């Protein structure tokens, strides 16, 4: 399923962070954030950040109280 890093990226996105915010917080490039997101979309069979966050929450990978996208 999702890697720990992919889950962390989705968790930060769920809190309203931009790709740049996520990159800065995790000490990685914006390009790497995009790669993690693209992999998450593929693994979760979704096409948007909101759908990825929702699907991850449905799978129990994110806590509902963390979500800005509800």
PDB file of N, CA and C in Angstrom:
ATOM      1  N   UNK A   1       0.857  -1.184   0.000  1.00  0.00           N
ATOM      2  CA  UNK A   1       0.000   0.000   0.000  1.00  0.00           C
ATOM      3  C   UNK A   1       0.890   1.229   0.000  1.00  0.00           C
ATOM      4  N   UNK A   2       0.510   2.271   0.684  1.00  0.00           N
ATOM      5  CA  UNK A   2       1.283   3.514   0.703  1.00  0.00           C
ATOM      6  C   UNK A   2       2.491   3.399   1.631  1.00  0.00           C
ATOM      7  N   UNK A   3       3.577   4.074   1.245  1.00  0.00           N
ATOM      8  CA  UNK A   3       4.749   4.127   2.112  1.00  0.00           C
ATOM      9  C   UNK A   3       4.490   5.130   3.234  1.00  0.00           C
ATOM     10  N   UNK A   4       5.332   5.063   4.253  1.00  0.00           N
ATOM     11  CA  UNK A   4       5.210   6.008   5.372  1.00  0.00           C
ATOM     12  C   UNK A   4       5.364   7.448   4.881  1.00  0.00           C
ATOM     13  N   UNK A   5       6.252   7.682   3.930  1.00  0.00           N
ATOM     14  CA  UNK A   5       6.465   9.031   3.403  1.00  0.00           C
ATOM     15  C   UNK A   5       5.251   9.509   2.610  1.00  0.00           C
ATOM     16  N   UNK A   6       4.656   8.629   1.816  1.00  0.00           N
ATOM     17  CA  UNK A   6       3.456   8.995   1.064  1.00  0.00           C
ATOM     18  C   UNK A   6       2.320   9.366   2.015  1.00  0.00           C
ATOM     19  N   UNK A   7       2.178   8.630   3.096  1.00  0.00           N
ATOM     20  CA  UNK A   7       1.154   8.937   4.092  1.00  0.00           C
ATOM     21  C   UNK A   7       1.440  10.284   4.744  1.00  0.00           C
ATOM     22  N   UNK A   8       2.698  10.541   5.071  1.00  0.00           N
ATOM     23  CA  UNK A   8       3.051  11.822   5.689  1.00  0.00           C
ATOM     24  C   UNK A   8       2.759  12.982   4.744  1.00  0.00           C
ATOM     25  N   UNK A   9       3.054  12.818   3.466  1.00  0.00           N
ATOM     26  CA  UNK A   9       2.752  13.863   2.484  1.00  0.00           C
ATOM     27  C   UNK A   9       1.241  14.104   2.434  1.00  0.00           C
ATOM     28  N   UNK A  10       0.450  13.039   2.389  1.00  0.00           N
ATOM     29  CA  UNK A  10      -1.003  13.197   2.375  1.00  0.00           C
ATOM     30  C   UNK A  10      -1.508  13.838   3.662  1.00  0.00           C
ATOM     31  N   UNK A  11      -0.908  13.479   4.776  1.00  0.00           N
ATOM     32  CA  UNK A  11      -1.305  14.068   6.062  1.00  0.00           C
ATOM     33  C   UNK A  11      -1.086  15.582   6.042  1.00  0.00           C
ATOM     34  N   UNK A  12       0.050  16.007   5.528  1.00  0.00           N
ATOM     35  CA  UNK A  12       0.326  17.444   5.452  1.00  0.00           C
ATOM     36  C   UNK A  12      -0.610  18.132   4.465  1.00  0.00           C
ATOM     37  N   UNK A  13      -0.880  17.505   3.336  1.00  0.00           N
ATOM     38  CA  UNK A  13      -1.832  18.080   2.384  1.00  0.00           C
ATOM     39  C   UNK A  13      -3.218  18.189   3.009  1.00  0.00           C
ATOM     40  N   UNK A  14      -3.588  17.193   3.816  1.00  0.00           N
ATOM     41  CA  UNK A  14      -4.903  17.204   4.445  1.00  0.00           C
ATOM     42  C   UNK A  14      -5.053  18.359   5.421  1.00  0.00           C
ATOM     43  N   UNK A  15      -3.941  18.868   5.889  1.00  0.00           N
ATOM     44  CA  UNK A  15      -3.952  20.010   6.816  1.00  0.00           C
ATOM     45  C   UNK A  15      -3.912  21.346   6.075  1.00  0.00           C
ATOM     46  N   UNK A  16      -3.944  21.281   4.739  1.00  0.00           N
ATOM     47  CA  UNK A  16      -3.972  22.502   3.949  1.00  0.00           C
ATOM     48  C   UNK A  16      -2.623  22.992   3.470  1.00  0.00           C
ATOM     49  N   UNK A  17      -1.577  22.206   3.656  1.00  0.00           N
ATOM     50  CA  UNK A  17      -0.251  22.607   3.193  1.00  0.00           C
ATOM     51  C   UNK A  17      -0.166  22.534   1.673  1.00  0.00           C
ATOM     52  N   UNK A  18       0.602  23.438   1.093  1.00  0.00           N
ATOM     53  CA  UNK A  18       0.897  23.397  -0.335  1.00  0.00           C
ATOM     54  C   UNK A  18       2.048  22.418  -0.566  1.00  0.00           C
ATOM     55  N   UNK A  19       2.309  22.106  -1.839  1.00  0.00           N
ATOM     56  CA  UNK A  19       3.460  21.249  -2.158  1.00  0.00           C
ATOM     57  C   UNK A  19       4.746  21.878  -1.621  1.00  0.00           C
ATOM     58  N   UNK A  20       4.878  23.201  -1.759  1.00  0.00           N
ATOM     59  CA  UNK A  20       6.070  23.897  -1.258  1.00  0.00           C
ATOM     60  C   UNK A  20       6.177  23.787   0.258  1.00  0.00           C
ATOM     61  N   UNK A  21       5.052  23.915   0.957  1.00  0.00           N
ATOM     62  CA  UNK A  21       5.039  23.767   2.420  1.00  0.00           C
ATOM     63  C   UNK A  21       5.484  22.365   2.815  1.00  0.00           C
ATOM     64  N   UNK A  22       4.939  21.369   2.123  1.00  0.00           N
ATOM     65  CA  UNK A  22       5.285  19.968   2.411  1.00  0.00           C
ATOM     66  C   UNK A  22       6.778  19.755   2.188  1.00  0.00           C
ATOM     67  N   UNK A  23       7.291  20.245   1.064  1.00  0.00           N
ATOM     68  CA  UNK A  23       8.711  20.090   0.742  1.00  0.00           C
ATOM     69  C   UNK A  23       9.589  20.699   1.824  1.00  0.00           C
ATOM     70  N   UNK A  24       9.242  21.903   2.243  1.00  0.00           N
ATOM     71  CA  UNK A  24      10.030  22.579   3.271  1.00  0.00           C
ATOM     72  C   UNK A  24       9.960  21.820   4.598  1.00  0.00           C
ATOM     73  N   UNK A  25       8.770  21.394   4.981  1.00  0.00           N
ATOM     74  CA  UNK A  25       8.584  20.685   6.249  1.00  0.00           C
ATOM     75  C   UNK A  25       9.374  19.375   6.286  1.00  0.00           C
ATOM     76  N   UNK A  26       9.383  18.661   5.152  1.00  0.00           N
ATOM     77  CA  UNK A  26      10.041  17.349   5.106  1.00  0.00           C
ATOM     78  C   UNK A  26      11.496  17.413   4.635  1.00  0.00           C
ATOM     79  N   UNK A  27      11.935  18.587   4.193  1.00  0.00           N
ATOM     80  CA  UNK A  27      13.315  18.725   3.739  1.00  0.00           C
ATOM     81  C   UNK A  27      13.574  18.016   2.417  1.00  0.00           C
ATOM     82  N   UNK A  28      12.561  18.036   1.529  1.00  0.00           N
ATOM     83  CA  UNK A  28      12.688  17.415   0.220  1.00  0.00           C
ATOM     84  C   UNK A  28      12.303  18.440  -0.838  1.00  0.00           C
ATOM     85  N   UNK A  29      12.530  18.118  -2.096  1.00  0.00           N
ATOM     86  CA  UNK A  29      12.185  19.058  -3.160  1.00  0.00           C
ATOM     87  C   UNK A  29      10.689  18.990  -3.486  1.00  0.00           C
ATOM     88  N   UNK A  30      10.198  20.049  -4.108  1.00  0.00           N
ATOM     89  CA  UNK A  30       8.810  20.074  -4.558  1.00  0.00           C
ATOM     90  C   UNK A  30       8.581  18.967  -5.583  1.00  0.00           C
ATOM     91  N   UNK A  31       9.585  18.710  -6.415  1.00  0.00           N
ATOM     92  CA  UNK A  31       9.490  17.621  -7.399  1.00  0.00           C
ATOM     93  C   UNK A  31       9.280  16.279  -6.700  1.00  0.00           C
ATOM     94  N   UNK A  32      10.001  16.042  -5.613  1.00  0.00           N
ATOM     95  CA  UNK A  32       9.857  14.793  -4.862  1.00  0.00           C
ATOM     96  C   UNK A  32       8.472  14.700  -4.233  1.00  0.00           C
ATOM     97  N   UNK A  33       7.958  15.808  -3.746  1.00  0.00           N
ATOM     98  CA  UNK A  33       6.588  15.821  -3.221  1.00  0.00           C
ATOM     99  C   UNK A  33       5.633  15.382  -4.326  1.00  0.00           C
ATOM    100  N   UNK A  34       5.797  15.948  -5.517  1.00  0.00           N
ATOM    101  CA  UNK A  34       4.956  15.575  -6.647  1.00  0.00           C
ATOM    102  C   UNK A  34       5.039  14.096  -6.978  1.00  0.00           C
ATOM    103  N   UNK A  35       6.232  13.546  -6.888  1.00  0.00           N
ATOM    104  CA  UNK A  35       6.407  12.109  -7.137  1.00  0.00           C
ATOM    105  C   UNK A  35       5.651  11.282  -6.107  1.00  0.00           C
ATOM    106  N   UNK A  36       5.752  11.666  -4.839  1.00  0.00           N
ATOM    107  CA  UNK A  36       5.017  10.952  -3.784  1.00  0.00           C
ATOM    108  C   UNK A  36       3.510  11.041  -4.024  1.00  0.00           C
ATOM    109  N   UNK A  37       3.044  12.219  -4.424  1.00  0.00           N
ATOM    110  CA  UNK A  37       1.621  12.403  -4.691  1.00  0.00           C
ATOM    111  C   UNK A  37       1.184  11.548  -5.869  1.00  0.00           C
ATOM    112  N   UNK A  38       1.955  11.578  -6.947  1.00  0.00           N
ATOM    113  CA  UNK A  38       1.624  10.797  -8.134  1.00  0.00           C
ATOM    114  C   UNK A  38       1.543   9.300  -7.798  1.00  0.00           C
ATOM    115  N   UNK A  39       2.494   8.819  -7.002  1.00  0.00           N
ATOM    116  CA  UNK A  39       2.475   7.418  -6.586  1.00  0.00           C
ATOM    117  C   UNK A  39       1.255   7.115  -5.720  1.00  0.00           C
ATOM    118  N   UNK A  40       0.904   8.042  -4.844  1.00  0.00           N
ATOM    119  CA  UNK A  40      -0.273   7.868  -3.986  1.00  0.00           C
ATOM    120  C   UNK A  40      -1.547   7.806  -4.815  1.00  0.00           C
ATOM    121  N   UNK A  41      -1.670   8.697  -5.798  1.00  0.00           N
ATOM    122  CA  UNK A  41      -2.840   8.696  -6.678  1.00  0.00           C
ATOM    123  C   UNK A  41      -2.988   7.343  -7.356  1.00  0.00           C
ATOM    124  N   UNK A  42      -1.876   6.840  -7.888  1.00  0.00           N
ATOM    125  CA  UNK A  42      -1.909   5.558  -8.597  1.00  0.00           C
ATOM    126  C   UNK A  42      -2.323   4.428  -7.650  1.00  0.00           C
ATOM    127  N   UNK A  43      -1.718   4.384  -6.486  1.00  0.00           N
ATOM    128  CA  UNK A  43      -1.998   3.319  -5.523  1.00  0.00           C
ATOM    129  C   UNK A  43      -3.425   3.380  -4.993  1.00  0.00           C
ATOM    130  N   UNK A  44      -3.963   4.593  -4.859  1.00  0.00           N
ATOM    131  CA  UNK A  44      -5.311   4.771  -4.318  1.00  0.00           C
ATOM    132  C   UNK A  44      -6.381   4.845  -5.404  1.00  0.00           C
ATOM    133  N   UNK A  45      -5.957   4.814  -6.665  1.00  0.00           N
ATOM    134  CA  UNK A  45      -6.875   4.895  -7.822  1.00  0.00           C
ATOM    135  C   UNK A  45      -7.727   6.164  -7.778  1.00  0.00           C
ATOM    136  N   UNK A  46      -7.063   7.296  -7.577  1.00  0.00           N
ATOM    137  CA  UNK A  46      -7.740   8.595  -7.541  1.00  0.00           C
ATOM    138  C   UNK A  46      -7.000   9.575  -8.438  1.00  0.00           C
ATOM    139  N   UNK A  47      -7.585  10.759  -8.636  1.00  0.00           N
ATOM    140  CA  UNK A  47      -6.979  11.737  -9.515  1.00  0.00           C
ATOM    141  C   UNK A  47      -6.800  13.119  -8.942  1.00  0.00           C
ATOM    142  N   UNK A  48      -7.186  13.323  -7.681  1.00  0.00           N
ATOM    143  CA  UNK A  48      -7.029  14.638  -7.055  1.00  0.00           C
ATOM    144  C   UNK A  48      -6.519  14.483  -5.629  1.00  0.00           C
ATOM    145  N   UNK A  49      -5.970  15.581  -5.105  1.00  0.00           N
ATOM    146  CA  UNK A  49      -5.484  15.562  -3.725  1.00  0.00           C
ATOM    147  C   UNK A  49      -6.623  15.300  -2.751  1.00  0.00           C
ATOM    148  N   UNK A  50      -7.760  15.951  -2.975  1.00  0.00           N
ATOM    149  CA  UNK A  50      -8.907  15.748  -2.081  1.00  0.00           C
ATOM    150  C   UNK A  50      -9.351  14.291  -2.087  1.00  0.00           C
ATOM    151  N   UNK A  51      -9.392  13.679  -3.266  1.00  0.00           N
ATOM    152  CA  UNK A  51      -9.795  12.275  -3.362  1.00  0.00           C
ATOM    153  C   UNK A  51      -8.769  11.367  -2.691  1.00  0.00           C
ATOM    154  N   UNK A  52      -7.491  11.689  -2.828  1.00  0.00           N
ATOM    155  CA  UNK A  52      -6.438  10.882  -2.191  1.00  0.00           C
ATOM    156  C   UNK A  52      -6.542  10.954  -0.674  1.00  0.00           C
ATOM    157  N   UNK A  53      -6.745  12.160  -0.166  1.00  0.00           N
ATOM    158  CA  UNK A  53      -6.881  12.341   1.289  1.00  0.00           C
ATOM    159  C   UNK A  53      -8.116  11.613   1.798  1.00  0.00           C
ATOM    160  N   UNK A  54      -9.222  11.744   1.085  1.00  0.00           N
ATOM    161  CA  UNK A  54     -10.465  11.075   1.489  1.00  0.00           C
ATOM    162  C   UNK A  54     -10.290   9.561   1.491  1.00  0.00           C
ATOM    163  N   UNK A  55      -9.693   9.038   0.431  1.00  0.00           N
ATOM    164  CA  UNK A  55      -9.496   7.584   0.324  1.00  0.00           C
ATOM    165  C   UNK A  55      -8.555   7.086   1.416  1.00  0.00           C
ATOM    166  N   UNK A  56      -7.482   7.814   1.679  1.00  0.00           N
ATOM    167  CA  UNK A  56      -6.550   7.429   2.742  1.00  0.00           C
ATOM    168  C   UNK A  56      -7.250   7.418   4.100  1.00  0.00           C
ATOM    169  N   UNK A  57      -8.123   8.392   4.329  1.00  0.00           N
ATOM    170  CA  UNK A  57      -8.887   8.429   5.580  1.00  0.00           C
ATOM    171  C   UNK A  57      -9.833   7.243   5.666  1.00  0.00           C
ATOM    172  N   UNK A  58     -10.491   6.914   4.552  1.00  0.00           N
ATOM    173  CA  UNK A  58     -11.400   5.754   4.531  1.00  0.00           C
ATOM    174  C   UNK A  58     -10.657   4.459   4.850  1.00  0.00           C
ATOM    175  N   UNK A  59      -9.401   4.392   4.439  1.00  0.00           N
ATOM    176  CA  UNK A  59      -8.584   3.201   4.690  1.00  0.00           C
ATOM    177  C   UNK A  59      -7.958   3.206   6.082  1.00  0.00           C
ATOM    178  N   UNK A  60      -8.218   4.281   6.844  1.00  0.00           N
ATOM    179  CA  UNK A  60      -7.684   4.373   8.205  1.00  0.00           C
ATOM    180  C   UNK A  60      -6.246   4.837   8.269  1.00  0.00           C
ATOM    181  N   UNK A  61      -5.735   5.404   7.168  1.00  0.00           N
ATOM    182  CA  UNK A  61      -4.356   5.871   7.141  1.00  0.00           C
ATOM    183  C   UNK A  61      -4.208   7.282   7.689  1.00  0.00           C
ATOM    184  N   UNK A  62      -5.300   8.022   7.725  1.00  0.00           N
ATOM    185  CA  UNK A  62      -5.339   9.374   8.286  1.00  0.00           C
ATOM    186  C   UNK A  62      -6.478   9.445   9.283  1.00  0.00           C
ATOM    187  N   UNK A  63      -6.317  10.271  10.287  1.00  0.00           N
ATOM    188  CA  UNK A  63      -7.372  10.464  11.275  1.00  0.00           C
ATOM    189  C   UNK A  63      -8.334  11.535  10.786  1.00  0.00           C
ATOM    190  N   UNK A  64      -9.618  11.356  10.969  1.00  0.00           N
ATOM    191  CA  UNK A  64     -10.618  12.320  10.508  1.00  0.00           C
ATOM    192  C   UNK A  64     -10.374  13.724  11.064  1.00  0.00           C
ATOM    193  N   UNK A  65      -9.915  13.837  12.313  1.00  0.00           N
ATOM    194  CA  UNK A  65      -9.714  15.157  12.908  1.00  0.00           C
ATOM    195  C   UNK A  65      -8.569  15.904  12.236  1.00  0.00           C
ATOM    196  N   UNK A  66      -7.731  15.210  11.457  1.00  0.00           N
ATOM    197  CA  UNK A  66      -6.628  15.867  10.758  1.00  0.00           C
ATOM    198  C   UNK A  66      -7.091  16.539   9.467  1.00  0.00           C
ATOM    199  N   UNK A  67      -8.253  16.220   8.996  1.00  0.00           N
ATOM    200  CA  UNK A  67      -8.653  16.584   7.657  1.00  0.00           C
ATOM    201  C   UNK A  67      -9.217  17.988   7.543  1.00  0.00           C
ATOM    202  N   UNK A  68      -8.694  18.728   6.593  1.00  0.00           N
ATOM    203  CA  UNK A  68      -9.272  20.008   6.190  1.00  0.00           C
ATOM    204  C   UNK A  68     -10.270  19.712   5.093  1.00  0.00           C
ATOM    205  N   UNK A  69      -9.930  18.772   4.177  1.00  0.00           N
ATOM    206  CA  UNK A  69     -10.832  18.323   3.104  1.00  0.00           C
ATOM    207  C   UNK A  69     -11.826  17.362   3.715  1.00  0.00           C
ATOM    208  N   UNK A  70     -13.049  17.814   3.994  1.00  0.00           N
ATOM    209  CA  UNK A  70     -14.048  16.898   4.559  1.00  0.00           C
ATOM    210  C   UNK A  70     -15.329  16.966   3.776  1.00  0.00           C
TER     211      UNK A  70
END
